[in-house]
Amino acid sequence: MTTITIGPFNRVEGDLEVHLDIADGMVRSARVNSPLYRGFEQIMQGREPLDALVIAPRICGICSVSQSMAAARALADAAGTGMPPNGELAAALTLACENLADHISHFYLFFMPDFARAVYAGEAWFPLAEPRFRALTGSAPRAAIQARAGLLHLMGTLAGKWPHSLSLQPGGSTRPVQARERLRLLAILADFRGFLERQTFGDRLEVVAALDSAAALAAWREAASPASSDLRLFLHIAEALDLARLGRGPDRFMSFGGLSVGGGPLFRAGLWSQGPAPLDIAAIVEDLSHSWMQGATLHPDRGVTVPGIEPAAHKPAAYSWCKAPRLDGRPVEVGALARQLVDGQPLIRELVVASGGNVRNRVVARLLESARLVIAMEDWVRALRPGKPFCTAVRLPDEGAGAGLVEAARGSLGHWLSIRHGRILNYQIVAPTTWNFSPRDAAGCAGPLEQALVGTVVRPREATPVAVQHVVRSFDPCMVCTVH
């Protein structure tokens, strides 16, 4: 048995180390370390509750809207208030825009460049993939960056700026959309739709969103050449490398439900564990047995974030600053795959039933969700009613508590706060990558990524195994959100 440490990872947001035990050319066990403590939850304590809207988005410059939305919803929950219809639409559009930009960034800038590496030079698909996906200089990253920049003009219209906008409030959005701006939003979405239909899918979004079985996906893939679209090329690569057998996690999935408009979410909330099941938020706890944090295993609404003093000496079993969130005492995977699975998308359900959570299925779910998001966003823009209220005034209580649960691009994000004497008494955040990259718990059960890495093949003389990188990147980690 040999042990190697991989890290830091390039094309991963934040600091990450992965320790692998390898025998017979295969990963036998893994430990995932989030080595950077940040302390945002401590920064919140004692502040005015509305300060959370300024501080929380600065946890991350990639998914700041998700943090802002979770903070706004936690405050709204504490105040017992809601948003007017225009506010719901504007908030959903703002979050969907960020999630969509993140999905495209992940596919083109973080994940696919690994398939342009020289290790794959002998593969039949490599002459197509290398010039297309080569990091920075490939034709696909350049086109994706340009398309993403255009999409984020939507954020400027809706939220004033990105990242770290202050437009999302407990009562809605402070940035009303005028009639002429609604036309501009539709034009932006039309341009982005064009990019997806020309390059990512080579087909209309409605056709991709309607794929409802593995057979339908296979038939769609074979209907045109791999060079006709980036998804088709990825599917050919995935088949050649058997990515459906790589990176299988715990096969237990959770979604808080996402993008509520008109009284219902675009994506349903729930749990998938060998079938659909209801989600009990009260069953969430944060296990600290293998984290360098102090404290007990508690629900986030009662939890604390206190870094240990000389943690290596006092907690010899600990190996990460990341806590270990558990639902009913067991790990869950979160992200686009979990969202589409819980929502009941038939293609994703068939893929997961057949092969579980794996590298191929995560990428397919992320791209399929991108098609669904654009279609929904076009409808939401048309539903905006300029001249009607976008935000209502909210009076926060001097004493109270609330939770803000949203679906960020990478999965389920929760903010829990309590207010005493008009100040924040406690603030706890459980981010998507905290779920996916958690360490072991008191029962010794590994986190989702740690489980997904077991069985990964390590080629001879590989210092940074390429298959390990595929597995890690398939989760699209955001490490700066993981530890606060």
Protein backbone atom coordinates (compact mmCIF):
# COMPACT_ATOMS: atom_id res chain seq x y z
CA MET A 1 0.00 0.00 0.00
CA THR A 2 1.31 3.45 -0.93
CA THR A 3 -0.10 6.83 0.03
CA ILE A 4 -0.01 9.91 -2.14
CA THR A 5 -1.28 13.43 -1.53
CA ILE A 6 -2.73 15.46 -4.38
CA GLY A 7 -3.10 19.18 -3.96
CA PRO A 8 -3.52 21.94 -4.52
CA PHE A 9 -5.77 21.25 -7.51
CA ASN A 10 -5.76 23.56 -10.50
CA ARG A 11 -9.10 24.62 -11.97
CA VAL A 12 -10.75 24.16 -8.55
CA GLU A 13 -12.03 27.16 -6.61
CA GLY A 14 -10.17 27.29 -3.30
CA ASP A 15 -7.81 24.98 -1.42
CA LEU A 16 -8.14 21.20 -1.60
CA GLU A 17 -5.96 18.23 -0.68
CA VAL A 18 -6.81 14.59 -1.33
CA HIS A 19 -4.90 11.80 0.43
CA LEU A 20 -5.12 8.46 -1.38
CA ASP A 21 -4.17 4.96 -0.23
CA ILE A 22 -3.29 2.98 -3.36
CA ALA A 23 -2.77 -0.74 -3.85
CA ASP A 24 -2.64 -2.82 -7.04
CA GLY A 25 -3.07 0.28 -9.19
CA MET A 26 -6.33 1.33 -7.54
CA VAL A 27 -7.51 3.76 -4.83
CA ARG A 28 -8.42 1.74 -1.74
CA SER A 29 -9.40 4.64 0.52
CA ALA A 30 -9.40 8.43 0.41
CA ARG A 31 -9.38 11.32 2.84
CA VAL A 32 -10.41 14.76 1.61
CA ASN A 33 -8.96 17.78 3.39
CA SER A 34 -10.28 21.33 3.22
CA PRO A 35 -7.16 23.04 4.61
CA LEU A 36 -8.33 26.68 4.75
CA TYR A 37 -10.38 27.94 7.73
CA ARG A 38 -12.32 31.12 6.92
CA GLY A 39 -14.57 32.05 9.88
CA PHE A 40 -17.48 33.85 8.21
CA GLU A 41 -19.94 32.43 10.73
CA GLN A 42 -17.95 34.03 13.54
CA ILE A 43 -17.83 37.33 11.65
CA MET A 44 -21.65 37.42 11.68
CA GLN A 45 -22.06 37.19 15.44
CA GLY A 46 -23.17 40.36 17.20
CA ARG A 47 -23.95 42.26 14.01
CA GLU A 48 -27.16 43.84 12.75
CA PRO A 49 -29.18 41.08 11.01
CA LEU A 50 -29.23 42.97 7.69
CA ASP A 51 -25.41 42.92 7.70
CA ALA A 52 -25.73 39.29 6.60
CA LEU A 53 -26.80 40.54 3.16
CA VAL A 54 -23.45 42.32 2.80
CA ILE A 55 -21.16 39.76 4.44
CA ALA A 56 -22.58 36.40 3.28
CA PRO A 57 -22.13 37.00 -0.48
CA ARG A 58 -18.44 37.63 0.12
CA ILE A 59 -17.96 34.02 1.12
CA CYS A 60 -17.46 33.39 -2.59
CA GLY A 61 -17.03 35.37 -5.79
CA ILE A 62 -18.39 32.53 -7.94
CA CYS A 63 -21.66 31.73 -6.16
CA SER A 64 -22.24 35.00 -4.28
CA VAL A 65 -25.89 35.23 -5.42
CA SER A 66 -26.62 31.85 -3.87
CA GLN A 67 -25.20 33.02 -0.54
CA SER A 68 -27.11 36.30 -0.84
CA MET A 69 -30.37 34.46 -1.60
CA ALA A 70 -29.91 32.09 1.35
CA ALA A 71 -29.24 35.02 3.70
CA ALA A 72 -32.28 36.92 2.40
CA ARG A 73 -34.50 33.88 2.84
CA ALA A 74 -33.25 33.25 6.37
CA LEU A 75 -34.09 36.85 7.29
CA ALA A 76 -37.48 36.60 5.57
CA ASP A 77 -38.20 33.39 7.48
CA ALA A 78 -37.33 35.11 10.76
CA ALA A 79 -39.62 38.02 9.84
CA GLY A 80 -42.41 35.78 8.56
CA THR A 81 -42.66 37.63 5.26
CA GLY A 82 -42.65 36.88 1.54
CA MET A 83 -42.01 38.55 -1.82
CA PRO A 84 -44.40 40.10 -4.36
CA PRO A 85 -44.69 38.20 -7.67
CA ASN A 86 -42.20 40.46 -9.46
CA GLY A 87 -39.75 40.02 -6.60
CA GLU A 88 -40.00 36.24 -6.82
CA LEU A 89 -39.41 36.37 -10.57
CA ALA A 90 -36.45 38.75 -10.33
CA ALA A 91 -34.85 36.71 -7.52
CA ALA A 92 -35.33 33.45 -9.43
CA LEU A 93 -33.87 34.97 -12.59
CA THR A 94 -30.85 36.31 -10.71
CA LEU A 95 -30.07 32.97 -9.05
CA ALA A 96 -30.76 30.99 -12.24
CA CYS A 97 -28.39 33.29 -14.17
CA GLU A 98 -25.56 32.59 -11.73
CA ASN A 99 -26.24 28.84 -11.69
CA LEU A 100 -26.33 28.74 -15.48
CA ALA A 101 -23.06 30.68 -15.75
CA ASP A 102 -21.49 28.29 -13.24
CA HIS A 103 -22.62 25.20 -15.17
CA ILE A 104 -21.12 26.48 -18.41
CA SER A 105 -17.91 27.58 -16.66
CA HIS A 106 -17.56 24.16 -15.09
CA PHE A 107 -18.04 22.22 -18.32
CA TYR A 108 -15.83 24.32 -20.57
CA LEU A 109 -13.20 25.80 -18.22
CA PHE A 110 -12.82 23.28 -15.38
CA PHE A 111 -13.89 19.80 -16.50
CA MET A 112 -13.37 19.25 -20.23
CA PRO A 113 -9.75 20.56 -20.51
CA ASP A 114 -8.57 17.33 -18.83
CA PHE A 115 -9.56 15.43 -21.97
CA ALA A 116 -7.17 17.54 -24.03
CA ARG A 117 -4.18 16.28 -22.03
CA ALA A 118 -1.38 14.31 -23.68
CA VAL A 119 -2.22 11.20 -21.63
CA TYR A 120 -5.17 10.69 -24.00
CA ALA A 121 -3.25 11.31 -27.24
CA GLY A 122 -3.77 7.73 -28.40
CA GLU A 123 -7.58 7.84 -28.14
CA ALA A 124 -9.65 7.94 -31.34
CA TRP A 125 -11.58 11.01 -30.13
CA PHE A 126 -8.49 13.01 -29.14
CA PRO A 127 -7.99 14.87 -32.48
CA LEU A 128 -11.46 16.38 -31.96
CA ALA A 129 -11.15 17.05 -28.23
CA GLU A 130 -7.64 18.53 -28.05
CA PRO A 131 -8.10 21.66 -30.21
CA ARG A 132 -11.65 22.09 -28.93
CA PHE A 133 -11.10 21.83 -25.15
CA ARG A 134 -7.44 22.73 -24.64
CA ALA A 135 -7.25 24.95 -21.54
CA LEU A 136 -7.40 28.68 -22.30
CA THR A 137 -6.40 28.39 -25.96
CA GLY A 138 -8.98 25.87 -27.18
CA SER A 139 -11.84 27.09 -29.33
CA ALA A 140 -14.49 26.00 -26.80
CA PRO A 141 -13.17 27.88 -23.71
CA ARG A 142 -12.84 31.07 -25.74
CA ALA A 143 -16.40 30.81 -27.03
CA ALA A 144 -17.74 29.89 -23.58
CA ILE A 145 -16.06 32.86 -21.89
CA GLN A 146 -17.59 35.21 -24.45
CA ALA A 147 -21.05 33.65 -24.09
CA ARG A 148 -20.82 33.73 -20.29
CA ALA A 149 -19.85 37.41 -20.32
CA GLY A 150 -22.90 38.16 -22.42
CA LEU A 151 -25.14 36.20 -20.05
CA LEU A 152 -23.88 38.15 -17.05
CA HIS A 153 -25.21 41.36 -18.59
CA LEU A 154 -28.53 39.95 -17.42
CA MET A 155 -27.15 40.11 -13.89
CA GLY A 156 -26.28 43.76 -14.34
CA THR A 157 -29.83 44.58 -15.36
CA LEU A 158 -31.45 42.55 -12.58
CA ALA A 159 -29.02 43.04 -9.71
CA GLY A 160 -26.92 46.10 -10.57
CA LYS A 161 -23.64 44.17 -10.56
CA TRP A 162 -22.06 40.76 -10.06
CA PRO A 163 -20.64 39.44 -7.81
CA HIS A 164 -21.76 40.67 -4.37
CA SER A 165 -24.95 42.41 -5.42
CA LEU A 166 -27.18 43.91 -2.72
CA SER A 167 -30.39 43.79 -4.76
CA LEU A 168 -31.77 40.61 -3.13
CA GLN A 169 -33.58 41.48 0.10
CA PRO A 170 -35.97 39.61 2.43
CA GLY A 171 -38.88 41.41 0.74
CA GLY A 172 -37.82 40.85 -2.88
CA SER A 173 -35.54 42.70 -5.29
CA THR A 174 -34.69 46.38 -4.99
CA ARG A 175 -33.97 46.65 -8.71
CA PRO A 176 -37.27 47.02 -10.63
CA VAL A 177 -37.22 46.04 -14.29
CA GLN A 178 -38.58 48.55 -16.80
CA ALA A 179 -40.47 47.60 -19.96
CA ARG A 180 -37.56 48.29 -22.29
CA GLU A 181 -35.22 46.35 -19.98
CA ARG A 182 -37.46 43.30 -20.25
CA LEU A 183 -36.82 43.30 -23.99
CA ARG A 184 -33.09 43.54 -23.31
CA LEU A 185 -33.28 40.53 -20.97
CA LEU A 186 -35.03 38.48 -23.64
CA ALA A 187 -32.37 39.49 -26.17
CA ILE A 188 -29.58 38.39 -23.78
CA LEU A 189 -31.25 35.03 -23.24
CA ALA A 190 -31.76 34.63 -27.00
CA ASP A 191 -28.03 35.16 -27.56
CA PHE A 192 -27.13 32.62 -24.88
CA ARG A 193 -29.68 30.15 -26.23
CA GLY A 194 -27.96 30.51 -29.59
CA PHE A 195 -24.59 29.61 -28.08
CA LEU A 196 -26.01 26.51 -26.39
CA GLU A 197 -27.91 25.38 -29.48
CA ARG A 198 -24.98 25.93 -31.84
CA GLN A 199 -22.09 24.62 -29.78
CA THR A 200 -23.08 22.83 -26.58
CA PHE A 201 -25.99 20.79 -27.92
CA GLY A 202 -26.16 21.22 -31.70
CA ASP A 203 -29.93 21.06 -31.26
CA ARG A 204 -32.84 23.02 -29.82
CA LEU A 205 -32.99 23.28 -26.05
CA GLU A 206 -36.49 21.85 -26.03
CA VAL A 207 -35.23 18.67 -27.73
CA VAL A 208 -32.47 18.19 -25.16
CA ALA A 209 -34.76 18.94 -22.20
CA ALA A 210 -37.26 16.38 -23.51
CA LEU A 211 -34.79 13.45 -23.60
CA ASP A 212 -36.52 10.94 -21.36
CA SER A 213 -34.55 7.69 -21.42
CA ALA A 214 -31.12 6.21 -21.93
CA ALA A 215 -32.29 4.91 -25.30
CA ALA A 216 -33.42 8.39 -26.32
CA LEU A 217 -30.07 9.84 -25.26
CA ALA A 218 -28.17 7.19 -27.22
CA ALA A 219 -30.31 7.77 -30.31
CA TRP A 220 -29.82 11.53 -30.02
CA ARG A 221 -26.06 11.04 -29.69
CA GLU A 222 -25.90 8.91 -32.85
CA ALA A 223 -28.15 11.25 -34.87
CA ALA A 224 -25.13 13.46 -35.69
CA SER A 225 -21.35 13.24 -35.60
CA PRO A 226 -19.32 13.84 -32.42
CA ALA A 227 -18.04 17.04 -34.02
CA SER A 228 -21.56 18.46 -34.24
CA SER A 229 -21.84 19.41 -30.56
CA ASP A 230 -19.86 19.39 -27.35
CA LEU A 231 -22.38 17.22 -25.51
CA ARG A 232 -22.24 14.60 -28.27
CA LEU A 233 -18.45 14.64 -28.15
CA PHE A 234 -18.52 14.28 -24.36
CA LEU A 235 -20.90 11.32 -24.63
CA HIS A 236 -18.53 9.58 -27.06
CA ILE A 237 -15.61 10.25 -24.70
CA ALA A 238 -17.66 9.01 -21.74
CA GLU A 239 -18.42 5.75 -23.54
CA ALA A 240 -14.81 5.22 -24.63
CA LEU A 241 -13.46 5.81 -21.10
CA ASP A 242 -16.42 4.15 -19.33
CA LEU A 243 -17.10 7.23 -17.24
CA ALA A 244 -20.41 5.71 -16.14
CA ARG A 245 -18.34 3.36 -13.95
CA LEU A 246 -16.09 6.09 -12.54
CA GLY A 247 -16.71 8.06 -9.37
CA ARG A 248 -19.77 6.34 -7.92
CA GLY A 249 -20.76 7.96 -4.65
CA PRO A 250 -23.14 6.93 -1.84
CA ASP A 251 -26.17 6.86 -4.22
CA ARG A 252 -28.20 8.89 -1.76
CA PHE A 253 -29.21 12.31 -3.04
CA MET A 254 -30.79 15.44 -1.55
CA SER A 255 -32.27 18.64 -2.92
CA PHE A 256 -33.78 21.58 -1.04
CA GLY A 257 -35.82 22.42 -4.13
CA GLY A 258 -34.98 25.38 -6.28
CA LEU A 259 -36.17 28.61 -7.88
CA SER A 260 -39.61 29.19 -6.37
CA VAL A 261 -41.99 31.21 -8.54
CA GLY A 262 -45.75 31.51 -8.22
CA GLY A 263 -46.03 29.34 -5.13
CA GLY A 264 -44.00 26.37 -6.37
CA PRO A 265 -40.36 25.54 -7.16
CA LEU A 266 -39.02 24.81 -10.63
CA PHE A 267 -37.19 21.84 -9.08
CA ARG A 268 -38.85 19.88 -6.30
CA ALA A 269 -37.37 19.28 -2.85
CA GLY A 270 -36.80 15.79 -1.56
CA LEU A 271 -34.52 12.83 -0.95
CA TRP A 272 -33.63 9.94 -3.24
CA SER A 273 -32.47 6.74 -1.57
CA GLN A 274 -33.26 3.76 -3.81
CA GLY A 275 -36.35 5.73 -4.74
CA PRO A 276 -38.03 9.05 -3.88
CA ALA A 277 -38.56 9.92 -0.23
CA PRO A 278 -39.65 13.00 1.74
CA LEU A 279 -36.96 15.32 3.06
CA ASP A 280 -36.82 15.98 6.80
CA ILE A 281 -34.70 19.10 7.35
CA ALA A 282 -34.80 18.45 11.11
CA ALA A 283 -32.76 15.26 10.51
CA ILE A 284 -29.66 17.26 9.44
CA VAL A 285 -26.69 17.32 11.83
CA GLU A 286 -23.05 18.37 11.52
CA ASP A 287 -20.65 15.71 12.82
CA LEU A 288 -17.32 17.13 14.08
CA SER A 289 -15.50 13.90 14.95
CA HIS A 290 -12.96 14.20 12.10
CA SER A 291 -12.97 17.99 11.79
CA TRP A 292 -10.58 20.39 13.49
CA MET A 293 -13.61 22.17 14.91
CA GLN A 294 -14.73 22.17 18.53
CA GLY A 295 -18.25 21.36 19.64
CA ALA A 296 -20.90 18.66 19.58
CA THR A 297 -22.84 17.00 16.78
CA LEU A 298 -25.90 19.24 16.41
CA HIS A 299 -28.48 20.49 13.94
CA PRO A 300 -27.22 23.69 12.24
CA ASP A 301 -29.82 25.84 14.00
CA ARG A 302 -28.03 25.02 17.28
CA GLY A 303 -24.52 24.41 15.96
CA VAL A 304 -21.38 26.44 16.46
CA THR A 305 -18.30 27.12 14.37
CA VAL A 306 -15.30 27.28 16.69
CA PRO A 307 -11.84 26.35 15.41
CA GLY A 308 -9.87 24.06 17.69
CA ILE A 309 -6.70 25.19 19.44
CA GLU A 310 -3.78 22.97 18.43
CA PRO A 311 -6.27 20.61 16.75
CA ALA A 312 -3.66 18.03 15.77
CA ALA A 313 -2.85 17.46 19.42
CA HIS A 314 -6.41 17.40 20.77
CA LYS A 315 -8.16 15.59 17.90
CA PRO A 316 -5.75 13.04 16.40
CA ALA A 317 -8.54 11.56 14.20
CA ALA A 318 -9.28 14.93 12.58
CA TYR A 319 -7.90 15.76 9.14
CA SER A 320 -10.01 18.62 7.73
CA TRP A 321 -11.57 21.94 8.68
CA CYS A 322 -14.73 20.75 6.94
CA LYS A 323 -17.55 19.48 9.12
CA ALA A 324 -19.42 16.31 8.14
CA PRO A 325 -23.09 17.10 7.45
CA ARG A 326 -25.33 14.06 7.66
CA LEU A 327 -29.02 13.45 6.97
CA ASP A 328 -30.53 10.77 9.19
CA GLY A 329 -26.96 9.89 10.15
CA ARG A 330 -25.85 9.18 6.58
CA PRO A 331 -24.05 11.17 3.85
CA VAL A 332 -25.89 12.50 0.82
CA GLU A 333 -24.72 13.82 -2.54
CA VAL A 334 -25.99 17.21 -3.66
CA GLY A 335 -25.80 19.07 -6.97
CA ALA A 336 -27.43 19.14 -10.40
CA LEU A 337 -27.64 15.34 -10.53
CA ALA A 338 -29.48 15.29 -7.20
CA ARG A 339 -31.79 18.13 -8.29
CA GLN A 340 -32.82 16.50 -11.55
CA LEU A 341 -33.16 13.09 -9.92
CA VAL A 342 -35.34 14.34 -7.06
CA ASP A 343 -37.37 16.46 -9.48
CA GLY A 344 -38.22 13.34 -11.45
CA GLN A 345 -36.50 14.04 -14.78
CA PRO A 346 -36.96 10.62 -16.45
CA LEU A 347 -33.61 10.39 -18.26
CA ILE A 348 -31.67 11.16 -15.10
CA ARG A 349 -33.73 8.74 -13.04
CA GLU A 350 -33.06 5.94 -15.52
CA LEU A 351 -29.33 6.69 -15.63
CA VAL A 352 -29.04 6.74 -11.83
CA VAL A 353 -31.07 3.57 -11.36
CA ALA A 354 -28.76 1.85 -13.86
CA SER A 355 -25.37 3.16 -12.74
CA GLY A 356 -25.77 5.45 -9.70
CA GLY A 357 -24.05 8.76 -9.18
CA ASN A 358 -20.97 8.83 -11.42
CA VAL A 359 -18.85 11.16 -13.54
CA ARG A 360 -20.93 10.80 -16.71
CA ASN A 361 -24.27 11.22 -14.98
CA ARG A 362 -23.17 14.35 -13.10
CA VAL A 363 -22.08 16.06 -16.31
CA VAL A 364 -25.19 15.03 -18.26
CA ALA A 365 -27.45 16.30 -15.47
CA ARG A 366 -25.62 19.62 -15.32
CA LEU A 367 -25.98 20.23 -19.05
CA LEU A 368 -29.59 19.03 -19.17
CA GLU A 369 -30.37 21.39 -16.29
CA SER A 370 -28.79 24.24 -18.27
CA ALA A 371 -31.28 23.68 -21.09
CA ARG A 372 -34.18 23.60 -18.63
CA LEU A 373 -32.99 26.78 -16.93
CA VAL A 374 -32.86 28.87 -20.10
CA ILE A 375 -36.37 27.76 -21.11
CA ALA A 376 -37.72 28.66 -17.66
CA MET A 377 -35.88 31.98 -17.56
CA GLU A 378 -37.45 33.05 -20.86
CA ASP A 379 -40.89 32.39 -19.37
CA TRP A 380 -40.04 34.29 -16.18
CA VAL A 381 -38.89 37.37 -18.08
CA ARG A 382 -42.14 37.41 -20.04
CA ALA A 383 -44.07 37.13 -16.75
CA LEU A 384 -42.48 40.28 -15.27
CA ARG A 385 -44.92 43.17 -14.88
CA PRO A 386 -43.08 46.51 -15.06
CA GLY A 387 -44.70 49.13 -12.87
CA LYS A 388 -45.80 46.59 -10.23
CA PRO A 389 -43.91 46.19 -6.90
CA PHE A 390 -40.67 44.23 -6.84
CA CYS A 391 -40.00 44.54 -3.11
CA THR A 392 -41.95 45.04 0.12
CA ALA A 393 -40.69 46.60 3.35
CA VAL A 394 -39.73 44.06 6.02
CA ARG A 395 -39.49 44.65 9.75
CA LEU A 396 -37.12 42.19 11.41
CA PRO A 397 -37.92 40.98 14.92
CA ASP A 398 -35.74 41.73 17.92
CA GLU A 399 -35.99 38.05 18.83
CA GLY A 400 -36.37 35.25 16.31
CA ALA A 401 -34.84 32.59 14.11
CA GLY A 402 -34.97 31.61 10.48
CA ALA A 403 -33.56 29.30 7.83
CA GLY A 404 -32.74 30.07 4.21
CA LEU A 405 -32.58 26.98 1.99
CA VAL A 406 -31.66 27.35 -1.68
CA GLU A 407 -30.16 25.32 -4.50
CA ALA A 408 -26.84 26.77 -5.61
CA ALA A 409 -25.24 25.48 -8.81
CA ARG A 410 -23.30 22.90 -6.79
CA GLY A 411 -26.21 21.79 -4.63
CA SER A 412 -28.09 22.39 -1.40
CA LEU A 413 -27.09 25.50 0.56
CA GLY A 414 -28.52 26.34 3.97
CA HIS A 415 -28.21 29.40 6.21
CA TRP A 416 -29.55 29.23 9.78
CA LEU A 417 -29.63 32.33 11.99
CA SER A 418 -30.96 33.35 15.37
CA ILE A 419 -31.57 36.94 16.52
CA ARG A 420 -31.44 38.13 20.13
CA HIS A 421 -31.91 41.74 21.25
CA GLY A 422 -31.86 42.87 17.63
CA ARG A 423 -28.46 41.31 16.90
CA ILE A 424 -27.27 38.08 15.30
CA LEU A 425 -26.70 35.59 18.11
CA ASN A 426 -25.71 32.68 15.91
CA TYR A 427 -25.25 32.07 12.17
CA GLN A 428 -24.50 28.69 10.62
CA ILE A 429 -23.90 27.84 6.97
CA VAL A 430 -23.82 24.40 5.33
CA ALA A 431 -22.64 24.72 1.73
CA PRO A 432 -22.94 22.18 -1.12
CA THR A 433 -19.26 21.25 -1.08
CA THR A 434 -19.47 20.79 2.70
CA TRP A 435 -21.90 17.96 1.96
CA ASN A 436 -19.96 16.47 -0.96
CA PHE A 437 -16.41 16.87 0.39
CA SER A 438 -17.09 16.09 4.03
CA PRO A 439 -14.67 13.95 6.06
CA ARG A 440 -15.62 10.78 7.89
CA ASP A 441 -18.17 10.87 10.70
CA ALA A 442 -18.14 9.28 14.16
CA ALA A 443 -19.29 5.96 12.67
CA GLY A 444 -16.32 6.01 10.29
CA CYS A 445 -18.53 6.54 7.25
CA ALA A 446 -16.71 8.41 4.46
CA GLY A 447 -18.10 11.49 2.74
CA PRO A 448 -19.47 11.38 -0.84
CA LEU A 449 -16.22 12.27 -2.63
CA GLU A 450 -14.22 9.95 -0.38
CA GLN A 451 -16.55 7.12 -1.36
CA ALA A 452 -16.54 8.12 -5.04
CA LEU A 453 -12.73 7.93 -5.24
CA VAL A 454 -12.53 4.32 -4.03
CA GLY A 455 -11.83 2.00 -6.95
CA THR A 456 -10.40 4.73 -9.18
CA VAL A 457 -7.58 3.42 -11.36
CA VAL A 458 -4.15 4.99 -10.97
CA ARG A 459 -1.88 4.55 -13.99
CA PRO A 460 1.78 3.62 -13.48
CA ARG A 461 3.98 6.59 -12.54
CA GLU A 462 1.03 8.99 -12.29
CA ALA A 463 1.79 11.61 -9.64
CA THR A 464 -1.58 13.31 -10.17
CA PRO A 465 -3.89 10.58 -11.50
CA VAL A 466 -6.09 11.88 -14.28
CA ALA A 467 -9.04 9.68 -13.32
CA VAL A 468 -8.94 11.10 -9.80
CA GLN A 469 -9.15 14.57 -11.28
CA HIS A 470 -12.19 13.56 -13.35
CA VAL A 471 -13.95 12.37 -10.20
CA VAL A 472 -13.07 15.46 -8.16
CA ARG A 473 -14.09 17.87 -10.90
CA SER A 474 -17.33 16.03 -11.63
CA PHE A 475 -18.62 17.42 -8.31
CA ASP A 476 -17.62 20.97 -9.35
CA PRO A 477 -16.21 21.83 -5.90
CA CYS A 478 -16.19 25.34 -4.46
CA MET A 479 -13.78 25.01 -1.57
CA VAL A 480 -14.02 28.64 -0.40
CA CYS A 481 -17.68 27.96 0.48
CA THR A 482 -16.86 24.74 2.31
CA VAL A 483 -15.33 26.03 5.55
CA HIS A 484 -16.40 29.30 7.12
